[in-house]
Amino acid sequence: MYIIFSKNQFLVVDPCVNFENVKNDIMNLQCVGIFLTHAHFDPFCEIKSWIDKGKVFLHQNALQKL
C-alpha cells in the first residue's frame, strides 16, 4: 500500500491495510481517491474500510473481480 501526499490531500494506492491502522496519520487530510493497480485479492483486501473515503479508480476489467 502507498499513500501519496500533496499539501492537504492524499491518494491511496492498493489499500491492503485497514483504514483504522492509518487514520491518525491522515486524519486532517482529504482523500482524493483510491487507486487499484490490479485485480488480485492482496491489493484491495481492505477496500471495504476505505470505500467511503474517496472515489475508487480501477481498470474496467477489474470491476467484476471486486
C-alpha atoms as a PDB file:
ATOM      1  CA  MET A   1       0.000   0.000   0.000  1.00  0.00           C
ATOM      2  CA  TYR A   2       1.132   3.502  -0.785  1.00  0.00           C
ATOM      3  CA  ILE A   3      -0.251   6.830   0.345  1.00  0.00           C
ATOM      4  CA  ILE A   4       0.768   9.744  -1.834  1.00  0.00           C
ATOM      5  CA  PHE A   5       0.560  13.104  -0.064  1.00  0.00           C
ATOM      6  CA  SER A   6       0.285  16.555  -1.616  1.00  0.00           C
ATOM      7  CA  LYS A   7      -0.370  19.505   0.667  1.00  0.00           C
ATOM      8  CA  ASN A   8      -3.624  18.689   2.496  1.00  0.00           C
ATOM      9  CA  GLN A   9      -4.676  15.784   0.242  1.00  0.00           C
ATOM     10  CA  PHE A  10      -3.712  12.177  -0.342  1.00  0.00           C
ATOM     11  CA  LEU A  11      -4.256   9.309  -2.776  1.00  0.00           C
ATOM     12  CA  VAL A  12      -4.295   5.687  -1.616  1.00  0.00           C
ATOM     13  CA  VAL A  13      -2.796   3.032  -3.898  1.00  0.00           C
ATOM     14  CA  ASP A  14      -3.741  -0.626  -3.340  1.00  0.00           C
ATOM     15  CA  PRO A  15      -5.325  -0.352   0.135  1.00  0.00           C
ATOM     16  CA  CYS A  16      -4.204  -3.597   1.747  1.00  0.00           C
ATOM     17  CA  VAL A  17      -4.051  -2.015   5.227  1.00  0.00           C
ATOM     18  CA  ASN A  18      -7.213  -1.271   7.192  1.00  0.00           C
ATOM     19  CA  PHE A  19      -8.147   2.418   7.400  1.00  0.00           C
ATOM     20  CA  GLU A  20      -8.191   2.262  11.219  1.00  0.00           C
ATOM     21  CA  ASN A  21      -4.450   1.494  11.214  1.00  0.00           C
ATOM     22  CA  VAL A  22      -3.536   4.715   9.391  1.00  0.00           C
ATOM     23  CA  LYS A  23      -6.314   7.160  10.241  1.00  0.00           C
ATOM     24  CA  ASN A  24      -4.236   9.013  12.847  1.00  0.00           C
ATOM     25  CA  ASP A  25      -1.599   9.765  10.202  1.00  0.00           C
ATOM     26  CA  ILE A  26      -4.094  11.189   7.696  1.00  0.00           C
ATOM     27  CA  MET A  27      -6.977  12.482   9.821  1.00  0.00           C
ATOM     28  CA  ASN A  28      -6.797  16.139   8.742  1.00  0.00           C
ATOM     29  CA  LEU A  29      -6.226  15.393   5.066  1.00  0.00           C
ATOM     30  CA  GLN A  30      -8.704  14.927   2.227  1.00  0.00           C
ATOM     31  CA  CYS A  31      -8.710  11.664   0.288  1.00  0.00           C
ATOM     32  CA  VAL A  32      -8.852  12.469  -3.418  1.00  0.00           C
ATOM     33  CA  GLY A  33      -9.097   8.844  -4.475  1.00  0.00           C
ATOM     34  CA  ILE A  34      -8.317   5.181  -4.075  1.00  0.00           C
ATOM     35  CA  PHE A  35      -6.354   3.644  -6.934  1.00  0.00           C
ATOM     36  CA  LEU A  36      -6.313  -0.126  -7.529  1.00  0.00           C
ATOM     37  CA  THR A  37      -3.407  -1.167  -9.745  1.00  0.00           C
ATOM     38  CA  HIS A  38      -4.609  -4.697 -10.489  1.00  0.00           C
ATOM     39  CA  ALA A  39      -7.412  -7.102  -9.608  1.00  0.00           C
ATOM     40  CA  HIS A  40      -5.757  -9.606  -7.317  1.00  0.00           C
ATOM     41  CA  PHE A  41      -7.022 -10.043  -3.775  1.00  0.00           C
ATOM     42  CA  ASP A  42      -3.963  -8.653  -1.986  1.00  0.00           C
ATOM     43  CA  PRO A  43      -4.028  -5.080  -3.377  1.00  0.00           C
ATOM     44  CA  PHE A  44      -7.605  -4.451  -2.341  1.00  0.00           C
ATOM     45  CA  CYS A  45      -8.243  -6.808   0.582  1.00  0.00           C
ATOM     46  CA  GLU A  46      -9.090  -3.825   2.833  1.00  0.00           C
ATOM     47  CA  ILE A  47     -11.125  -1.853   0.277  1.00  0.00           C
ATOM     48  CA  LYS A  48     -14.239  -2.105   2.473  1.00  0.00           C
ATOM     49  CA  SER A  49     -12.606   0.070   5.125  1.00  0.00           C
ATOM     50  CA  TRP A  50     -11.645   2.696   2.505  1.00  0.00           C
ATOM     51  CA  ILE A  51     -14.594   2.647   0.089  1.00  0.00           C
ATOM     52  CA  ASP A  52     -16.404   5.624   1.617  1.00  0.00           C
ATOM     53  CA  LYS A  53     -13.244   7.759   1.874  1.00  0.00           C
ATOM     54  CA  GLY A  54     -12.911   8.693  -1.792  1.00  0.00           C
ATOM     55  CA  LYS A  55     -13.580   7.812  -5.397  1.00  0.00           C
ATOM     56  CA  VAL A  56     -12.199   4.418  -6.462  1.00  0.00           C
ATOM     57  CA  PHE A  57     -10.195   4.147  -9.693  1.00  0.00           C
ATOM     58  CA  LEU A  58      -9.566   0.801 -11.389  1.00  0.00           C
ATOM     59  CA  HIS A  59      -9.471  -0.792 -14.808  1.00  0.00           C
ATOM     60  CA  GLN A  60     -12.890  -1.751 -16.131  1.00  0.00           C
ATOM     61  CA  ASN A  61     -11.894  -5.454 -16.325  1.00  0.00           C
ATOM     62  CA  ALA A  62     -11.111  -5.445 -12.616  1.00  0.00           C
ATOM     63  CA  LEU A  63     -14.579  -4.313 -11.601  1.00  0.00           C
ATOM     64  CA  GLN A  64     -16.142  -7.775 -11.865  1.00  0.00           C
ATOM     65  CA  LYS A  65     -13.456  -9.216  -9.559  1.00  0.00           C
ATOM     66  CA  LEU A  66     -14.153  -6.594  -6.935  1.00  0.00           C
END
